[in-house]
N, C-alpha and C. Protein backbone atom coordinates (compact mmCIF):
# COMPACT_ATOMS: atom_id res chain seq x y z
N MET A 1 7.93 11.97 62.12
CA MET A 1 7.88 11.89 61.18
C MET A 1 8.82 10.39 60.54
N ALA A 2 8.20 9.83 59.50
CA ALA A 2 9.72 9.15 59.18
C ALA A 2 10.62 9.89 57.62
N VAL A 3 11.73 9.02 57.52
CA VAL A 3 12.30 9.42 56.94
C VAL A 3 12.74 8.34 56.08
N TYR A 4 12.73 8.54 54.51
CA TYR A 4 13.08 7.73 53.81
C TYR A 4 14.58 8.04 53.05
N ARG A 5 15.43 7.14 53.32
CA ARG A 5 17.19 7.06 52.62
C ARG A 5 16.93 5.86 51.34
N ASN A 6 17.28 5.86 50.29
CA ASN A 6 18.01 5.13 49.92
C ASN A 6 16.82 4.48 48.77
N GLN A 7 15.79 4.87 48.91
CA GLN A 7 14.53 4.44 48.65
C GLN A 7 13.90 4.77 47.44
N PRO A 8 13.60 4.67 46.04
CA PRO A 8 13.61 5.66 44.76
C PRO A 8 12.03 5.90 45.53
N PHE A 9 11.61 6.89 44.70
CA PHE A 9 9.97 8.01 45.13
C PHE A 9 9.17 6.51 44.52
N PRO A 10 8.26 6.55 44.81
CA PRO A 10 6.66 5.42 43.88
C PRO A 10 6.39 5.55 42.63
N CYS A 11 6.63 7.11 42.55
CA CYS A 11 6.47 7.57 41.06
C CYS A 11 7.48 7.19 40.18
N PHE A 12 8.63 6.93 40.14
CA PHE A 12 10.04 6.39 39.76
C PHE A 12 9.27 5.07 38.70
N GLY A 13 8.23 4.01 39.44
CA GLY A 13 8.09 3.17 38.73
C GLY A 13 7.17 3.27 37.83
N ILE A 14 6.16 4.25 38.30
CA ILE A 14 5.24 4.28 36.75
C ILE A 14 6.01 5.63 35.95
N LEU A 15 6.55 6.03 36.31
CA LEU A 15 7.22 6.90 35.47
C LEU A 15 7.86 5.57 34.06
N LYS A 16 9.31 4.82 34.66
CA LYS A 16 9.79 3.74 34.07
C LYS A 16 8.38 3.42 33.29
N PHE A 17 7.60 2.78 33.67
CA PHE A 17 6.61 2.31 32.85
C PHE A 17 5.97 3.05 31.87
N LEU A 18 5.39 4.14 31.66
CA LEU A 18 5.22 5.15 30.57
C LEU A 18 6.89 5.21 30.31
N MET A 19 7.44 5.31 30.30
CA MET A 19 9.02 5.56 29.52
C MET A 19 8.83 3.98 28.37
N SER A 20 8.69 3.03 29.36
CA SER A 20 8.73 1.71 27.88
C SER A 20 7.86 2.00 27.49
N LEU A 21 6.62 1.87 27.87
CA LEU A 21 5.24 1.72 26.81
C LEU A 21 5.44 2.83 25.42
N PHE A 22 5.96 4.36 25.52
CA PHE A 22 6.03 5.15 25.22
C PHE A 22 7.17 4.23 23.94
N LEU A 23 8.43 4.11 23.97
CA LEU A 23 9.68 3.25 23.43
C LEU A 23 9.52 1.97 22.74
N ILE A 24 7.90 1.62 23.31
CA ILE A 24 7.50 0.33 22.24
C ILE A 24 6.79 0.59 21.47
N LEU A 25 5.91 1.43 21.87
CA LEU A 25 4.50 2.02 20.80
C LEU A 25 5.26 2.62 19.77
N TYR A 26 6.49 3.69 20.10
CA TYR A 26 7.12 4.66 18.91
C TYR A 26 8.14 3.46 18.04
N GLY A 27 8.52 2.61 18.71
CA GLY A 27 9.22 1.81 17.50
C GLY A 27 9.12 0.68 16.89
N ALA A 28 7.38 0.53 17.09
CA ALA A 28 6.25 -0.42 16.57
C ALA A 28 6.04 0.56 15.23
N SER A 29 5.99 1.90 15.48
CA SER A 29 5.51 2.95 14.64
C SER A 29 6.77 2.65 13.45
N LEU A 30 7.99 2.77 13.87
CA LEU A 30 8.95 2.55 13.19
C LEU A 30 9.30 2.13 11.90
N SER A 31 8.80 0.71 11.98
CA SER A 31 8.82 -0.42 11.72
C SER A 31 8.55 -0.65 10.61
N ALA A 32 8.72 -1.45 9.73
CA ALA A 32 7.86 -1.60 8.69
C ALA A 32 6.70 -1.90 8.11
N GLN A 33 6.06 -1.43 7.60
CA GLN A 33 3.88 -1.88 7.49
C GLN A 33 3.92 -2.15 6.41
N THR A 34 3.53 -3.25 6.34
CA THR A 34 3.38 -4.02 4.78
C THR A 34 1.66 -3.39 4.17
N LEU A 35 1.47 -3.20 2.76
CA LEU A 35 0.10 -2.18 2.49
C LEU A 35 0.32 -3.57 1.19
N GLU A 36 -1.40 -3.59 1.34
CA GLU A 36 -1.70 -5.07 0.31
C GLU A 36 -2.85 -4.48 -0.58
N ILE A 37 -2.17 -4.38 -1.51
CA ILE A 37 -2.62 -4.04 -2.86
C ILE A 37 -3.63 -5.37 -3.64
N THR A 38 -5.17 -5.36 -3.30
CA THR A 38 -5.52 -6.12 -4.36
C THR A 38 -6.29 -6.19 -5.34
N LEU A 39 -6.59 -7.15 -6.81
CA LEU A 39 -6.73 -6.55 -8.17
C LEU A 39 -7.99 -7.69 -7.89
N VAL A 40 -9.09 -6.97 -7.60
CA VAL A 40 -10.14 -7.96 -7.91
C VAL A 40 -11.14 -7.91 -8.95
N ASP A 41 -11.58 -8.90 -10.10
CA ASP A 41 -12.92 -8.70 -11.81
C ASP A 41 -13.33 -8.35 -10.63
N GLY A 42 -14.15 -7.20 -10.98
CA GLY A 42 -15.39 -6.57 -10.79
C GLY A 42 -16.67 -7.34 -11.09
N GLN A 43 -16.55 -8.40 -12.51
CA GLN A 43 -17.30 -8.62 -12.72
C GLN A 43 -18.27 -9.32 -12.28
N ASN A 44 -17.20 -10.76 -11.61
CA ASN A 44 -17.64 -11.97 -10.91
C ASN A 44 -16.70 -12.42 -9.65
N GLY A 45 -16.23 -10.99 -8.85
CA GLY A 45 -15.29 -11.40 -8.05
C GLY A 45 -14.32 -11.74 -8.03
N HIS A 46 -14.08 -12.49 -8.59
CA HIS A 46 -12.29 -13.15 -8.31
C HIS A 46 -11.41 -12.43 -9.03
N PRO A 47 -10.04 -12.98 -7.59
CA PRO A 47 -8.73 -12.26 -8.34
C PRO A 47 -8.41 -12.04 -9.13
N MET A 48 -7.30 -11.14 -9.44
CA MET A 48 -6.69 -10.98 -10.78
C MET A 48 -5.60 -11.52 -11.22
N VAL A 49 -5.07 -12.71 -11.58
CA VAL A 49 -4.50 -12.98 -11.65
C VAL A 49 -4.12 -13.65 -12.37
N GLY A 50 -2.63 -14.28 -12.30
CA GLY A 50 -1.76 -14.57 -13.92
C GLY A 50 0.04 -13.77 -14.06
N ALA A 51 0.17 -14.30 -15.14
CA ALA A 51 1.63 -13.98 -15.80
C ALA A 51 1.22 -11.64 -15.95
N SER A 52 0.16 -11.82 -16.30
CA SER A 52 0.19 -10.09 -16.37
C SER A 52 -0.36 -9.41 -15.73
N SER A 53 -0.58 -10.09 -14.56
CA SER A 53 -1.39 -8.94 -13.72
C SER A 53 0.03 -8.87 -12.68
N TYR A 54 -0.13 -7.52 -12.22
CA TYR A 54 0.82 -6.85 -10.93
C TYR A 54 0.31 -5.72 -11.09
N VAL A 55 0.95 -4.28 -10.53
CA VAL A 55 0.44 -3.30 -10.71
C VAL A 55 1.42 -2.35 -10.55
N ASN A 56 1.32 -1.01 -10.74
CA ASN A 56 2.08 0.26 -10.78
C ASN A 56 2.25 0.54 -9.80
N VAL A 57 2.84 0.72 -8.90
CA VAL A 57 3.01 2.19 -7.82
C VAL A 57 4.51 3.00 -7.89
N TRP A 58 3.52 4.24 -7.43
CA TRP A 58 4.49 5.07 -7.01
C TRP A 58 4.42 5.47 -5.64
N VAL A 59 5.50 5.56 -4.73
CA VAL A 59 5.34 5.99 -3.51
C VAL A 59 6.00 7.20 -3.17
N GLY A 60 5.10 8.57 -3.27
CA GLY A 60 5.46 9.75 -2.79
C GLY A 60 6.18 10.67 -4.10
N THR A 61 6.51 11.47 -4.63
CA THR A 61 7.52 11.77 -5.54
C THR A 61 8.73 12.03 -6.09
N GLU A 62 9.25 11.03 -5.31
CA GLU A 62 10.77 11.25 -5.98
C GLU A 62 11.59 10.33 -6.30
N ARG A 63 10.50 9.37 -6.57
CA ARG A 63 10.68 8.16 -7.83
C ARG A 63 10.02 8.75 -9.08
N LYS A 64 10.85 8.50 -10.12
CA LYS A 64 10.13 8.96 -11.69
C LYS A 64 9.12 7.49 -11.84
N GLU A 65 9.93 6.35 -12.33
CA GLU A 65 9.54 5.23 -12.59
C GLU A 65 8.87 4.46 -12.01
N ALA A 66 7.92 3.46 -11.90
CA ALA A 66 7.02 2.78 -11.36
C ALA A 66 7.95 1.79 -11.08
N ILE A 67 7.30 0.99 -9.60
CA ILE A 67 7.71 -0.05 -8.93
C ILE A 67 6.71 -0.97 -9.58
N ALA A 68 6.81 -1.87 -10.22
CA ALA A 68 5.90 -2.74 -10.38
C ALA A 68 6.01 -4.32 -9.36
N ILE A 69 4.60 -4.34 -9.47
CA ILE A 69 4.86 -5.27 -8.07
C ILE A 69 3.64 -6.38 -8.80
N PRO A 70 3.69 -7.60 -8.94
CA PRO A 70 3.13 -8.74 -9.52
C PRO A 70 2.46 -9.09 -8.59
N THR A 71 1.38 -9.61 -8.27
CA THR A 71 0.11 -9.85 -7.62
C THR A 71 0.46 -11.77 -7.42
N ASP A 72 -0.16 -12.11 -6.62
CA ASP A 72 0.21 -13.57 -5.86
C ASP A 72 -1.11 -14.10 -6.56
N GLY A 73 -1.27 -15.89 -5.91
CA GLY A 73 -2.46 -16.30 -6.64
C GLY A 73 -3.47 -15.45 -5.90
N HIS A 74 -3.59 -15.04 -4.95
CA HIS A 74 -4.83 -14.44 -4.43
C HIS A 74 -5.29 -12.95 -5.19
N GLY A 75 -4.31 -12.79 -5.82
CA GLY A 75 -4.44 -10.75 -6.29
C GLY A 75 -4.08 -9.86 -6.07
N VAL A 76 -3.29 -10.33 -4.83
CA VAL A 76 -2.55 -9.67 -3.87
C VAL A 76 -1.16 -9.02 -3.83
N ALA A 77 -0.92 -7.39 -4.02
CA ALA A 77 0.70 -7.25 -4.70
C ALA A 77 0.80 -6.61 -3.33
N ARG A 78 2.21 -6.64 -2.67
CA ARG A 78 2.78 -6.49 -1.64
C ARG A 78 3.89 -5.69 -1.21
N LEU A 79 3.82 -4.26 -0.70
CA LEU A 79 4.24 -3.79 -0.35
C LEU A 79 4.65 -2.95 1.59
N GLN A 80 5.74 -2.74 1.72
CA GLN A 80 6.26 -2.41 2.67
C GLN A 80 6.77 -1.07 2.88
N LEU A 81 6.35 0.21 3.55
CA LEU A 81 6.85 0.83 4.28
C LEU A 81 7.56 1.12 5.08
N THR A 82 8.82 1.70 4.83
CA THR A 82 9.12 1.88 6.62
C THR A 82 10.00 3.40 6.01
N LEU A 83 10.74 3.54 7.53
CA LEU A 83 11.56 5.12 7.74
C LEU A 83 12.93 4.84 7.91
N ASN A 84 13.30 2.99 7.79
CA ASN A 84 14.80 2.84 7.81
C ASN A 84 15.15 2.30 6.58
N PRO A 85 16.31 3.05 6.07
CA PRO A 85 17.28 3.16 4.99
C PRO A 85 18.05 1.88 4.81
N GLY A 86 18.38 1.32 6.13
CA GLY A 86 19.07 0.10 5.73
C GLY A 86 17.86 -1.00 5.22
N GLU A 87 16.53 -0.86 5.53
CA GLU A 87 15.02 -1.63 5.18
C GLU A 87 15.06 -1.83 3.13
N ILE A 88 14.94 -0.62 2.89
CA ILE A 88 15.01 -0.77 2.30
C ILE A 88 15.83 -1.64 0.26
N ASN A 89 14.96 -2.29 -0.35
CA ASN A 89 15.52 -3.07 -0.95
C ASN A 89 15.27 -3.00 -2.28
N ILE A 90 15.13 -1.48 -3.02
CA ILE A 90 14.46 -1.41 -4.14
C ILE A 90 15.96 -0.40 -4.77
N PRO A 91 16.83 -0.80 -5.82
CA PRO A 91 17.80 0.85 -6.55
C PRO A 91 16.74 1.78 -6.37
N ASN A 92 17.62 2.86 -6.22
CA ASN A 92 17.64 4.29 -6.95
C ASN A 92 17.54 4.45 -8.03
N SER A 93 16.60 5.59 -7.98
CA SER A 93 16.25 5.77 -9.05
C SER A 93 16.85 6.41 -10.73
N SER A 94 16.65 5.67 -11.88
CA SER A 94 17.86 6.07 -12.55
C SER A 94 17.29 6.89 -13.88
N LYS A 95 18.21 7.61 -14.78
CA LYS A 95 17.17 8.34 -15.50
C LYS A 95 16.73 7.07 -16.74
N ASP A 96 17.80 6.08 -16.96
CA ASP A 96 17.84 5.40 -18.53
C ASP A 96 16.99 4.14 -17.80
N ARG A 97 15.54 4.15 -17.00
CA ARG A 97 15.23 3.05 -16.90
C ARG A 97 13.53 2.85 -17.02
N GLY A 98 13.20 1.64 -17.67
CA GLY A 98 11.50 1.60 -17.22
C GLY A 98 11.15 1.52 -15.32
N SER A 99 10.26 0.29 -15.73
CA SER A 99 9.49 -0.08 -14.07
C SER A 99 10.63 -0.98 -13.73
N ILE A 100 10.41 -0.87 -12.57
CA ILE A 100 11.48 -1.54 -11.37
C ILE A 100 10.42 -2.63 -10.86
N VAL A 101 10.76 -3.84 -11.19
CA VAL A 101 9.84 -5.25 -11.11
C VAL A 101 10.22 -5.82 -9.99
N VAL A 102 9.74 -5.84 -8.50
CA VAL A 102 10.54 -6.51 -7.34
C VAL A 102 9.26 -7.17 -6.91
N ASP A 103 9.03 -8.10 -6.16
CA ASP A 103 7.74 -8.97 -5.91
C ASP A 103 7.74 -8.79 -4.35
N HIS A 104 8.46 -8.66 -3.74
CA HIS A 104 8.29 -7.69 -2.14
C HIS A 104 8.97 -5.99 -2.05
N PRO A 105 8.59 -5.57 -2.55
CA PRO A 105 9.50 -4.21 -2.77
C PRO A 105 9.51 -3.64 -1.63
N VAL A 106 10.64 -3.17 -0.31
CA VAL A 106 10.90 -2.51 0.84
C VAL A 106 11.39 -0.81 0.14
N VAL A 107 10.46 0.36 0.93
CA VAL A 107 10.47 1.30 0.58
C VAL A 107 10.29 2.52 1.30
N ASN A 108 11.10 3.50 1.34
CA ASN A 108 10.75 4.42 2.42
C ASN A 108 9.22 5.30 2.69
N TYR A 109 8.95 5.16 3.40
CA TYR A 109 7.77 5.95 4.32
C TYR A 109 7.25 6.86 3.27
N ASN A 110 6.44 7.27 2.98
CA ASN A 110 6.11 8.63 2.14
C ASN A 110 4.61 9.14 2.71
N GLU A 111 4.24 10.12 2.99
CA GLU A 111 2.53 10.20 2.78
C GLU A 111 1.60 9.84 1.81
N SER A 112 2.18 10.17 0.66
CA SER A 112 1.43 9.79 -0.43
C SER A 112 2.15 8.14 -1.74
N LEU A 113 0.45 8.08 -2.18
CA LEU A 113 0.91 6.79 -2.94
C LEU A 113 -0.24 7.04 -4.06
N ARG A 114 0.79 6.55 -5.42
CA ARG A 114 0.03 6.31 -6.45
C ARG A 114 -0.01 5.33 -6.92
N ILE A 115 -1.18 4.28 -7.76
CA ILE A 115 -1.36 3.19 -7.97
C ILE A 115 -1.89 3.24 -9.76
N ASN A 116 -1.21 2.59 -10.89
CA ASN A 116 -1.62 2.03 -11.80
C ASN A 116 -2.00 0.24 -11.86
N THR A 117 -2.92 0.26 -12.81
CA THR A 117 -2.99 -1.21 -13.06
C THR A 117 -3.00 -1.42 -14.68
N PRO A 118 -2.94 -2.90 -15.58
CA PRO A 118 -2.99 -2.65 -16.54
C PRO A 118 -4.42 -3.13 -17.26
N TYR A 119 -5.26 -3.00 -16.08
CA TYR A 119 -7.04 -3.30 -15.96
C TYR A 119 -7.30 -2.17 -16.63
N VAL A 120 -9.00 -1.95 -16.62
CA VAL A 120 -9.76 -0.90 -16.94
C VAL A 120 -10.58 -0.79 -15.66
N SER A 121 -10.35 0.03 -14.51
CA SER A 121 -10.96 0.40 -13.65
C SER A 121 -12.04 0.90 -13.87
N CYS A 122 -13.41 0.00 -12.35
CA CYS A 122 -14.87 -0.55 -12.87
C CYS A 122 -15.00 0.82 -11.34
N GLY A 123 -14.11 1.89 -11.05
CA GLY A 123 -14.75 2.29 -10.38
C GLY A 123 -15.99 3.45 -10.90
N SER A 124 -16.49 4.78 -10.74
CA SER A 124 -17.47 6.00 -11.42
C SER A 124 -17.15 6.18 -13.10
N GLY A 125 -16.05 5.91 -12.88
CA GLY A 125 -15.56 6.90 -14.44
C GLY A 125 -16.02 5.51 -14.90
N GLY A 126 -15.76 4.55 -14.61
CA GLY A 126 -15.91 2.85 -15.54
C GLY A 126 -14.94 3.14 -16.81
N SER A 127 -15.61 2.91 -17.53
CA SER A 127 -14.18 2.76 -18.85
C SER A 127 -14.15 4.02 -19.34
N ASN A 128 -15.11 5.09 -19.43
CA ASN A 128 -14.72 6.37 -19.89
C ASN A 128 -13.30 7.05 -19.58
N TYR A 129 -12.41 6.08 -18.27
CA TYR A 129 -11.29 6.93 -18.41
C TYR A 129 -10.23 5.91 -18.92
N SER A 130 -9.47 6.44 -18.93
CA SER A 130 -8.52 5.62 -20.01
C SER A 130 -7.68 4.90 -19.19
N TRP A 131 -7.02 3.04 -19.20
CA TRP A 131 -6.97 3.02 -18.10
C TRP A 131 -5.40 2.88 -18.01
N LEU A 132 -4.65 3.27 -18.45
CA LEU A 132 -4.13 4.17 -18.12
C LEU A 132 -3.67 5.10 -17.25
N ARG A 133 -4.65 6.06 -16.90
CA ARG A 133 -4.61 7.30 -15.37
C ARG A 133 -4.46 6.07 -14.14
N SER A 134 -3.76 7.04 -12.82
CA SER A 134 -3.16 6.23 -11.93
C SER A 134 -4.19 6.74 -10.67
N GLU A 135 -4.07 5.83 -9.70
CA GLU A 135 -5.50 6.92 -8.58
C GLU A 135 -4.33 6.91 -7.54
N ASN A 136 -4.40 7.90 -6.68
CA ASN A 136 -3.76 8.76 -5.68
C ASN A 136 -4.37 8.98 -4.12
N PHE A 137 -3.94 8.23 -3.29
CA PHE A 137 -3.58 7.81 -2.13
C PHE A 137 -2.88 8.27 -0.93
N SER A 138 -3.86 8.55 -0.03
CA SER A 138 -2.92 8.63 0.67
C SER A 138 -2.47 7.95 1.93
N THR A 139 -1.27 7.14 1.92
CA THR A 139 -0.53 6.38 2.93
C THR A 139 -1.63 6.34 4.08
N LYS A 140 -1.54 7.61 5.17
CA LYS A 140 -2.06 7.26 6.30
C LYS A 140 -3.50 6.63 7.00
N GLU A 141 -4.16 7.33 5.80
CA GLU A 141 -5.56 6.67 5.40
C GLU A 141 -5.62 5.16 5.27
N ILE A 142 -4.97 5.19 4.15
CA ILE A 142 -4.75 3.64 3.64
C ILE A 142 -4.38 2.77 5.42
N PHE A 143 -3.61 2.64 6.01
CA PHE A 143 -3.04 2.21 7.15
C PHE A 143 -4.41 2.56 7.94
N GLN A 144 -4.84 3.73 8.19
CA GLN A 144 -6.22 3.79 9.46
C GLN A 144 -6.84 2.74 8.57
N HIS A 145 -8.12 3.21 7.46
CA HIS A 145 -9.02 2.92 7.23
C HIS A 145 -9.29 1.83 6.35
N GLY A 146 -7.92 1.77 4.77
CA GLY A 146 -8.36 0.92 3.78
C GLY A 146 -8.47 1.53 3.24
N TYR A 147 -9.25 1.55 1.58
CA TYR A 147 -9.75 1.93 0.86
C TYR A 147 -10.64 0.35 -0.63
N VAL A 148 -11.62 0.41 -0.55
CA VAL A 148 -12.15 -0.20 -1.46
C VAL A 148 -12.60 0.75 -2.73
N SER A 149 -12.63 0.29 -4.44
CA SER A 149 -12.97 1.40 -4.63
C SER A 149 -14.13 0.78 -5.54
N PRO A 150 -15.50 1.86 -5.72
CA PRO A 150 -16.64 1.22 -6.70
C PRO A 150 -16.44 0.61 -7.50
N ASN A 151 -17.36 -0.39 -7.55
CA ASN A 151 -17.41 -1.48 -8.29
C ASN A 151 -18.76 -1.07 -8.87
N THR A 152 -18.66 -0.28 -10.46
CA THR A 152 -19.88 -0.07 -11.69
C THR A 152 -19.95 -1.29 -12.57
N CYS A 153 -18.64 -2.76 -12.40
CA CYS A 153 -18.44 -3.19 -13.29
C CYS A 153 -19.46 -4.49 -13.36
N GLY A 154 -19.84 -4.68 -11.94
CA GLY A 154 -20.51 -6.02 -11.41
C GLY A 154 -20.95 -5.87 -10.12
N LYS A 155 -21.81 -7.20 -9.50
CA LYS A 155 -22.38 -7.19 -8.07
C LYS A 155 -21.54 -7.16 -7.09
N ALA A 156 -19.60 -7.70 -6.76
CA ALA A 156 -18.93 -8.24 -6.05
C ALA A 156 -18.85 -7.13 -5.30
N THR A 157 -18.84 -7.34 -4.20
CA THR A 157 -18.32 -5.79 -2.58
C THR A 157 -18.00 -6.26 -1.98
N VAL A 158 -16.84 -6.08 -1.01
CA VAL A 158 -16.07 -6.29 0.02
C VAL A 158 -15.98 -5.04 1.20
N SER A 159 -15.47 -5.06 2.16
CA SER A 159 -14.89 -3.96 2.96
C SER A 159 -14.04 -3.40 3.33
N PRO A 160 -13.87 -2.09 3.10
CA PRO A 160 -12.38 -1.80 3.55
C PRO A 160 -11.94 -2.72 4.70
N GLN A 161 -10.52 -2.69 4.91
CA GLN A 161 -9.74 -3.41 6.33
C GLN A 161 -8.77 -2.31 5.71
N PRO A 162 -8.32 -1.97 7.13
CA PRO A 162 -6.74 -0.89 7.93
C PRO A 162 -5.44 -1.58 6.77
N GLY A 163 -4.91 -1.09 5.83
CA GLY A 163 -3.49 -1.51 4.84
C GLY A 163 -3.94 -2.34 3.59
N GLN A 164 -4.91 -2.08 3.46
CA GLN A 164 -5.64 -2.70 2.30
C GLN A 164 -5.82 -1.74 1.23
N VAL A 165 -5.40 -1.69 0.09
CA VAL A 165 -5.79 -1.21 -1.00
C VAL A 165 -6.84 -2.36 -2.26
N ILE A 166 -8.50 -2.73 -2.12
CA ILE A 166 -9.09 -3.01 -2.54
C ILE A 166 -9.48 -2.78 -4.32
N LEU A 167 -9.06 -2.99 -5.12
CA LEU A 167 -9.44 -2.25 -6.62
C LEU A 167 -10.24 -3.13 -7.28
N PHE A 168 -11.64 -2.75 -7.91
CA PHE A 168 -12.45 -3.52 -9.08
C PHE A 168 -11.88 -2.95 -10.20
N VAL A 169 -11.25 -4.19 -10.91
CA VAL A 169 -11.14 -3.56 -12.37
C VAL A 169 -12.02 -4.79 -13.36
N ARG A 170 -11.28 -4.01 -14.82
CA ARG A 170 -12.00 -5.85 -15.86
C ARG A 170 -10.87 -5.41 -16.95
N PRO A 171 -10.62 -6.66 -17.14
CA PRO A 171 -9.69 -7.01 -18.34
C PRO A 171 -10.43 -6.10 -19.60
N LEU A 172 -9.06 -5.57 -20.22
CA LEU A 172 -9.74 -4.55 -21.65
C LEU A 172 -9.83 -5.58 -22.64
N THR A 173 -10.75 -5.35 -22.93
CA THR A 173 -11.53 -5.57 -24.08
C THR A 173 -10.22 -5.55 -25.31
N TRP A 174 -10.54 -6.36 -26.34
CA TRP A 174 -10.17 -5.89 -28.02
C TRP A 174 -10.12 -4.97 -28.35
N TRP A 175 -11.07 -4.28 -28.31
CA TRP A 175 -10.84 -3.00 -29.31
C TRP A 175 -10.87 -1.84 -28.29
N GLU A 176 -10.13 -1.45 -26.77
CA GLU A 176 -9.77 -0.79 -25.58
C GLU A 176 -8.49 -1.17 -25.86
N LYS A 177 -7.94 -2.33 -25.57
CA LYS A 177 -6.25 -2.51 -26.15
C LYS A 177 -6.10 -1.57 -27.43
N LEU A 178 -6.64 -1.77 -28.71
CA LEU A 178 -6.49 -0.80 -29.39
C LEU A 178 -6.59 -0.02 -29.88
N LYS A 179 -7.36 0.69 -28.95
CA LYS A 179 -7.79 2.11 -28.49
C LYS A 179 -6.42 3.07 -28.38
N GLU A 180 -5.68 2.23 -27.46
CA GLU A 180 -4.62 2.59 -26.79
C GLU A 180 -3.30 2.62 -27.37
C-alpha cells in the first residue's frame, strides 16, 4: 500500500478551480451594469435626438426627483447600476431640487425602474394617455431579456436585446402641448 505524504489531495485542485470560478462570476455580477434606453420615433423609425431629447429615470423608490439623462446622437441614454456605493456619481436626494441632469449617471442598483419621456408614447394606449405618465420596469427583466414598447404610430420594429429598453415615441403636436 502506497502512502502519500505532503501531497495535496487531487480534489483540492478541482476545489480551487471551482472557488476561483465562483469568485470571478460573483465579482462580475457586482460590477456596474449599463442599461441603455433608446428613444425611437415610431412614425419613421429614426432616433429621437436633439437638445430636448432626454429620459427621466427613477431607480427604486428612494429618490423622489428624477434623473434626467440626455440622449446621444443615436437616441440612447445610458445609466449604470451598481452595488458599490463608491461608484455612485449623483448627489443625494434633496427636498428643494427638481430633476438632476447627468450624462452618464451611476446609481445604486434596485429591482425596479421607472421611465418617463417628453414625448407621446406609441404604446398600446397611444396618445389616449398623458405624455406625463411613466412606465415601470423590472431591472432584472431588462438585463435578462430587454424590452421594446409596442409601436402604434408606424411600422418601425426592432427586437429586444438584453440590457436595452427601446421606447417608440412621437413628438407632441402643438394641440397636445396646449392641453397639458
